[in-house]
PDB file of N, CA and C in Angstrom:
ATOM      1  N   MET A   1      -0.188   9.113   7.204  1.00  0.00           N
ATOM      2  CA  MET A   1      -0.845   8.060   7.144  1.00  0.00           C
ATOM      3  C   MET A   1       0.277   7.100   7.644  1.00  0.00           C
ATOM      4  N   LYS A   2      -0.296   6.200   8.434  1.00  0.00           N
ATOM      5  CA  LYS A   2       0.655   4.820   9.008  1.00  0.00           C
ATOM      6  C   LYS A   2       0.278   3.732   8.270  1.00  0.00           C
ATOM      7  N   ILE A   3       1.234   3.115   7.523  1.00  0.00           N
ATOM      8  CA  ILE A   3       1.590   1.935   6.611  1.00  0.00           C
ATOM      9  C   ILE A   3       2.106   0.951   7.361  1.00  0.00           C
ATOM     10  N   THR A   4       1.880  -0.324   7.059  1.00  0.00           N
ATOM     11  CA  THR A   4       2.812  -1.422   7.292  1.00  0.00           C
ATOM     12  C   THR A   4       3.116  -2.048   5.934  1.00  0.00           C
ATOM     13  N   LEU A   5       4.428  -2.072   5.968  1.00  0.00           N
ATOM     14  CA  LEU A   5       5.124  -2.745   4.693  1.00  0.00           C
ATOM     15  C   LEU A   5       5.902  -3.684   5.204  1.00  0.00           C
ATOM     16  N   ASN A   6       5.747  -4.963   4.612  1.00  0.00           N
ATOM     17  CA  ASN A   6       6.421  -6.111   4.974  1.00  0.00           C
ATOM     18  C   ASN A   6       6.389  -6.237   6.352  1.00  0.00           C
ATOM     19  N   GLY A   7       5.389  -6.134   7.302  1.00  0.00           N
ATOM     20  CA  GLY A   7       5.208  -6.307   8.552  1.00  0.00           C
ATOM     21  C   GLY A   7       5.970  -5.348   9.262  1.00  0.00           C
ATOM     22  N   LYS A   8       6.367  -4.196   8.669  1.00  0.00           N
ATOM     23  CA  LYS A   8       7.059  -3.433   9.570  1.00  0.00           C
ATOM     24  C   LYS A   8       6.106  -1.927   9.296  1.00  0.00           C
ATOM     25  N   LYS A   9       5.930  -1.270  10.510  1.00  0.00           N
ATOM     26  CA  LYS A   9       5.152  -0.242  10.553  1.00  0.00           C
ATOM     27  C   LYS A   9       5.988   1.099  10.077  1.00  0.00           C
ATOM     28  N   GLN A  10       5.347   2.152   9.324  1.00  0.00           N
ATOM     29  CA  GLN A  10       6.098   3.329   8.934  1.00  0.00           C
ATOM     30  C   GLN A  10       5.024   4.452   8.572  1.00  0.00           C
ATOM     31  N   LYS A  11       5.474   5.565   8.809  1.00  0.00           N
ATOM     32  CA  LYS A  11       4.427   6.586   8.697  1.00  0.00           C
ATOM     33  C   LYS A  11       5.098   7.140   7.069  1.00  0.00           C
ATOM     34  N   SER A  12       4.135   7.830   6.580  1.00  0.00           N
ATOM     35  CA  SER A  12       4.022   8.398   5.228  1.00  0.00           C
ATOM     36  C   SER A  12       3.413   9.916   5.084  1.00  0.00           C
ATOM     37  N   LYS A  13       3.647  10.878   4.622  1.00  0.00           N
ATOM     38  CA  LYS A  13       3.189  11.899   4.398  1.00  0.00           C
ATOM     39  C   LYS A  13       1.937  12.066   3.290  1.00  0.00           C
ATOM     40  N   PHE A  14       1.618  10.652   2.723  1.00  0.00           N
ATOM     41  CA  PHE A  14       0.485  10.759   2.140  1.00  0.00           C
ATOM     42  C   PHE A  14      -1.011  10.666   2.802  1.00  0.00           C
ATOM     43  N   LYS A  15      -1.876  11.650   2.423  1.00  0.00           N
ATOM     44  CA  LYS A  15      -3.246  11.678   3.305  1.00  0.00           C
ATOM     45  C   LYS A  15      -4.358  11.156   2.690  1.00  0.00           C
ATOM     46  N   LYS A  16      -4.514  11.072   1.417  1.00  0.00           N
ATOM     47  CA  LYS A  16      -5.826  10.633   0.609  1.00  0.00           C
ATOM     48  C   LYS A  16      -5.299  10.652  -0.752  1.00  0.00           C
ATOM     49  N   GLY A  17      -6.023   9.443  -1.573  1.00  0.00           N
ATOM     50  CA  GLY A  17      -6.019   9.450  -2.796  1.00  0.00           C
ATOM     51  C   GLY A  17      -5.825   7.943  -3.363  1.00  0.00           C
ATOM     52  N   LYS A  18      -5.292   7.626  -4.592  1.00  0.00           N
ATOM     53  CA  LYS A  18      -5.346   6.041  -5.272  1.00  0.00           C
ATOM     54  C   LYS A  18      -4.291   5.509  -4.650  1.00  0.00           C
ATOM     55  N   ILE A  19      -4.453   4.235  -4.562  1.00  0.00           N
ATOM     56  CA  ILE A  19      -3.244   3.399  -3.921  1.00  0.00           C
ATOM     57  C   ILE A  19      -2.082   3.357  -4.990  1.00  0.00           C
ATOM     58  N   SER A  20      -2.375   3.377  -6.322  1.00  0.00           N
ATOM     59  CA  SER A  20      -1.202   3.625  -7.242  1.00  0.00           C
ATOM     60  C   SER A  20      -0.671   4.948  -6.954  1.00  0.00           C
ATOM     61  N   VAL A  21      -1.004   6.026  -6.288  1.00  0.00           N
ATOM     62  CA  VAL A  21      -0.011   7.071  -6.308  1.00  0.00           C
ATOM     63  C   VAL A  21       0.585   6.812  -4.726  1.00  0.00           C
ATOM     64  N   LEU A  22       0.115   6.446  -4.128  1.00  0.00           N
ATOM     65  CA  LEU A  22       0.696   6.140  -2.968  1.00  0.00           C
ATOM     66  C   LEU A  22       1.899   4.903  -2.999  1.00  0.00           C
ATOM     67  N   LEU A  23       1.819   3.880  -3.729  1.00  0.00           N
ATOM     68  CA  LEU A  23       2.706   3.059  -4.268  1.00  0.00           C
ATOM     69  C   LEU A  23       3.894   3.737  -5.102  1.00  0.00           C
ATOM     70  N   SER A  24       3.616   4.575  -6.003  1.00  0.00           N
ATOM     71  CA  SER A  24       4.670   5.383  -6.525  1.00  0.00           C
ATOM     72  C   SER A  24       5.520   6.450  -5.703  1.00  0.00           C
ATOM     73  N   LYS A  25       4.554   7.033  -4.828  1.00  0.00           N
ATOM     74  CA  LYS A  25       5.655   7.747  -3.852  1.00  0.00           C
ATOM     75  C   LYS A  25       6.620   6.952  -3.042  1.00  0.00           C
ATOM     76  N   LEU A  26       6.359   5.480  -2.950  1.00  0.00           N
ATOM     77  CA  LEU A  26       7.115   4.656  -1.981  1.00  0.00           C
ATOM     78  C   LEU A  26       7.908   4.090  -3.110  1.00  0.00           C
ATOM     79  N   SER A  27       8.094   4.326  -4.408  1.00  0.00           N
ATOM     80  CA  SER A  27       8.778   3.675  -5.229  1.00  0.00           C
ATOM     81  C   SER A  27       8.739   2.057  -5.405  1.00  0.00           C
ATOM     82  N   LEU A  28       7.241   1.610  -5.192  1.00  0.00           N
ATOM     83  CA  LEU A  28       6.869   0.367  -5.329  1.00  0.00           C
ATOM     84  C   LEU A  28       6.213   0.255  -6.678  1.00  0.00           C
ATOM     85  N   ARG A  29       6.195  -0.560  -7.387  1.00  0.00           N
ATOM     86  CA  ARG A  29       5.368  -0.981  -8.746  1.00  0.00           C
ATOM     87  C   ARG A  29       4.166  -1.890  -8.075  1.00  0.00           C
ATOM     88  N   THR A  30       3.338  -1.559  -9.031  1.00  0.00           N
ATOM     89  CA  THR A  30       1.827  -2.051  -8.481  1.00  0.00           C
ATOM     90  C   THR A  30       1.839  -3.904  -8.811  1.00  0.00           C
ATOM     91  N   GLU A  31       2.842  -4.320  -9.739  1.00  0.00           N
ATOM     92  CA  GLU A  31       2.888  -5.406 -10.103  1.00  0.00           C
ATOM     93  C   GLU A  31       3.851  -6.711  -9.021  1.00  0.00           C
ATOM     94  N   GLU A  32       4.416  -5.675  -8.006  1.00  0.00           N
ATOM     95  CA  GLU A  32       5.144  -6.434  -7.086  1.00  0.00           C
ATOM     96  C   GLU A  32       4.574  -6.638  -5.964  1.00  0.00           C
ATOM     97  N   VAL A  33       3.341  -5.984  -5.522  1.00  0.00           N
ATOM     98  CA  VAL A  33       3.129  -5.809  -3.889  1.00  0.00           C
ATOM     99  C   VAL A  33       1.354  -6.303  -4.158  1.00  0.00           C
ATOM    100  N   ILE A  34       1.004  -6.519  -3.025  1.00  0.00           N
ATOM    101  CA  ILE A  34      -0.443  -6.772  -2.906  1.00  0.00           C
ATOM    102  C   ILE A  34      -0.772  -6.027  -1.795  1.00  0.00           C
ATOM    103  N   VAL A  35      -2.082  -5.216  -2.138  1.00  0.00           N
ATOM    104  CA  VAL A  35      -2.367  -4.035  -0.529  1.00  0.00           C
ATOM    105  C   VAL A  35      -3.407  -4.504  -0.192  1.00  0.00           C
ATOM    106  N   LYS A  36      -3.646  -4.482   1.011  1.00  0.00           N
ATOM    107  CA  LYS A  36      -4.794  -4.489   2.056  1.00  0.00           C
ATOM    108  C   LYS A  36      -5.151  -3.417   2.558  1.00  0.00           C
ATOM    109  N   VAL A  37      -6.189  -2.755   2.245  1.00  0.00           N
ATOM    110  CA  VAL A  37      -7.096  -1.882   3.162  1.00  0.00           C
ATOM    111  C   VAL A  37      -7.974  -2.492   4.026  1.00  0.00           C
ATOM    112  N   ASN A  38      -7.925  -1.989   5.384  1.00  0.00           N
ATOM    113  CA  ASN A  38      -8.597  -2.389   6.294  1.00  0.00           C
ATOM    114  C   ASN A  38      -8.805  -4.057   6.520  1.00  0.00           C
ATOM    115  N   GLY A  39      -7.480  -4.576   6.310  1.00  0.00           N
ATOM    116  CA  GLY A  39      -7.817  -6.058   6.284  1.00  0.00           C
ATOM    117  C   GLY A  39      -8.189  -6.802   4.986  1.00  0.00           C
ATOM    118  N   LYS A  40      -8.472  -6.252   3.867  1.00  0.00           N
ATOM    119  CA  LYS A  40      -8.908  -6.749   2.589  1.00  0.00           C
ATOM    120  C   LYS A  40      -8.234  -6.169   1.506  1.00  0.00           C
ATOM    121  N   PRO A  41      -7.767  -7.324   0.489  1.00  0.00           N
ATOM    122  CA  PRO A  41      -7.155  -7.255  -0.804  1.00  0.00           C
ATOM    123  C   PRO A  41      -7.913  -6.043  -1.543  1.00  0.00           C
ATOM    124  N   VAL A  42      -7.077  -5.067  -2.313  1.00  0.00           N
ATOM    125  CA  VAL A  42      -8.007  -4.434  -3.092  1.00  0.00           C
ATOM    126  C   VAL A  42      -7.022  -3.865  -4.247  1.00  0.00           C
ATOM    127  N   PRO A  43      -7.729  -3.670  -5.367  1.00  0.00           N
ATOM    128  CA  PRO A  43      -7.059  -3.036  -6.689  1.00  0.00           C
ATOM    129  C   PRO A  43      -6.265  -1.659  -6.366  1.00  0.00           C
ATOM    130  N   GLU A  44      -5.316  -1.473  -7.209  1.00  0.00           N
ATOM    131  CA  GLU A  44      -4.675  -0.173  -7.324  1.00  0.00           C
ATOM    132  C   GLU A  44      -5.522   1.156  -7.624  1.00  0.00           C
ATOM    133  N   ASP A  45      -6.512   0.882  -7.897  1.00  0.00           N
ATOM    134  CA  ASP A  45      -7.372   2.252  -8.193  1.00  0.00           C
ATOM    135  C   ASP A  45      -8.364   2.675  -7.199  1.00  0.00           C
ATOM    136  N   THR A  46      -8.396   1.773  -5.805  1.00  0.00           N
ATOM    137  CA  THR A  46      -9.033   2.100  -4.720  1.00  0.00           C
ATOM    138  C   THR A  46      -8.668   3.568  -4.166  1.00  0.00           C
ATOM    139  N   GLU A  47      -9.501   4.272  -3.690  1.00  0.00           N
ATOM    140  CA  GLU A  47      -9.272   5.633  -3.003  1.00  0.00           C
ATOM    141  C   GLU A  47      -9.107   5.046  -1.543  1.00  0.00           C
ATOM    142  N   ILE A  48      -8.187   5.566  -0.669  1.00  0.00           N
ATOM    143  CA  ILE A  48      -8.015   5.465   0.735  1.00  0.00           C
ATOM    144  C   ILE A  48      -7.672   6.845   1.157  1.00  0.00           C
ATOM    145  N   SER A  49      -7.790   7.038   2.603  1.00  0.00           N
ATOM    146  CA  SER A  49      -7.667   8.007   3.684  1.00  0.00           C
ATOM    147  C   SER A  49      -6.921   7.922   4.805  1.00  0.00           C
ATOM    148  N   ASP A  50      -6.231   8.667   5.153  1.00  0.00           N
ATOM    149  CA  ASP A  50      -5.383   8.495   6.471  1.00  0.00           C
ATOM    150  C   ASP A  50      -6.200   7.677   7.552  1.00  0.00           C
ATOM    151  N   LYS A  51      -7.608   7.604   7.293  1.00  0.00           N
ATOM    152  CA  LYS A  51      -8.153   6.690   8.497  1.00  0.00           C
ATOM    153  C   LYS A  51      -7.749   5.202   8.132  1.00  0.00           C
ATOM    154  N   ASP A  52      -7.431   5.041   6.975  1.00  0.00           N
ATOM    155  CA  ASP A  52      -7.672   3.388   6.848  1.00  0.00           C
ATOM    156  C   ASP A  52      -6.455   2.816   7.141  1.00  0.00           C
ATOM    157  N   LYS A  53      -6.448   1.568   7.675  1.00  0.00           N
ATOM    158  CA  LYS A  53      -5.180   0.568   7.773  1.00  0.00           C
ATOM    159  C   LYS A  53      -4.888   0.065   6.412  1.00  0.00           C
ATOM    160  N   VAL A  54      -3.560   0.401   6.102  1.00  0.00           N
ATOM    161  CA  VAL A  54      -2.986   0.241   4.803  1.00  0.00           C
ATOM    162  C   VAL A  54      -1.806  -0.895   4.903  1.00  0.00           C
ATOM    163  N   GLU A  55      -1.678  -1.996   4.380  1.00  0.00           N
ATOM    164  CA  GLU A  55      -0.731  -3.018   4.525  1.00  0.00           C
ATOM    165  C   GLU A  55      -0.413  -3.146   3.126  1.00  0.00           C
ATOM    166  N   ILE A  56       0.956  -3.249   2.875  1.00  0.00           N
ATOM    167  CA  ILE A  56       1.422  -3.545   1.475  1.00  0.00           C
ATOM    168  C   ILE A  56       2.670  -4.622   1.686  1.00  0.00           C
ATOM    169  N   ILE A  57       2.195  -5.540   1.182  1.00  0.00           N
ATOM    170  CA  ILE A  57       2.966  -6.734   1.128  1.00  0.00           C
ATOM    171  C   ILE A  57       3.928  -7.197  -0.157  1.00  0.00           C
ATOM    172  N   LYS A  58       5.088  -7.256  -0.168  1.00  0.00           N
ATOM    173  CA  LYS A  58       6.102  -7.623  -1.534  1.00  0.00           C
ATOM    174  C   LYS A  58       5.837  -8.877  -1.936  1.00  0.00           C
ATOM    175  N   VAL A  59       5.449  -9.036  -3.331  1.00  0.00           N
ATOM    176  CA  VAL A  59       5.547 -10.529  -3.405  1.00  0.00           C
ATOM    177  C   VAL A  59       7.009 -10.995  -4.143  1.00  0.00           C
ATOM    178  N   VAL A  60       7.093 -12.004  -3.903  1.00  0.00           N
ATOM    179  CA  VAL A  60       8.492 -12.787  -4.167  1.00  0.00           C
ATOM    180  C   VAL A  60       8.177 -13.536  -5.244  1.00  0.00           C
ATOM    181  N   PHE A  61       8.865 -13.414  -6.214  1.00  0.00           N
ATOM    182  CA  PHE A  61       8.544 -14.224  -7.229  1.00  0.00           C
ATOM    183  C   PHE A  61       9.824 -14.804  -7.993  1.00  0.00           C
ATOM    184  N   GLY A  62      10.069 -15.481  -9.046  1.00  0.00           N
ATOM    185  CA  GLY A  62      11.402 -15.644  -9.507  1.00  0.00           C
ATOM    186  C   GLY A  62      11.353 -17.177  -9.838  1.00  0.00           C
ATOM    187  N   GLY A  63      12.457 -17.886 -10.632  1.00  0.00           N
ATOM    188  CA  GLY A  63      12.559 -19.234 -10.937  1.00  0.00           C
ATOM    189  C   GLY A  63      13.549 -19.973 -10.369  1.00  0.00           C
TER     190      GLY A  63
END
């Protein structure tokens, strides 16, 4: 699966399943990212496949 993480394209061996599983495999926490599938923000329980365009954006937060 091709994904974009913070504007950088990369490949993953993840083929299909829930976004939460993909994030876990990438060592990312759901609280720290926004995930867009095919251009639309989606919740972490959304099912995806290798045909989807997945973009992961890390959220910057702090005080």
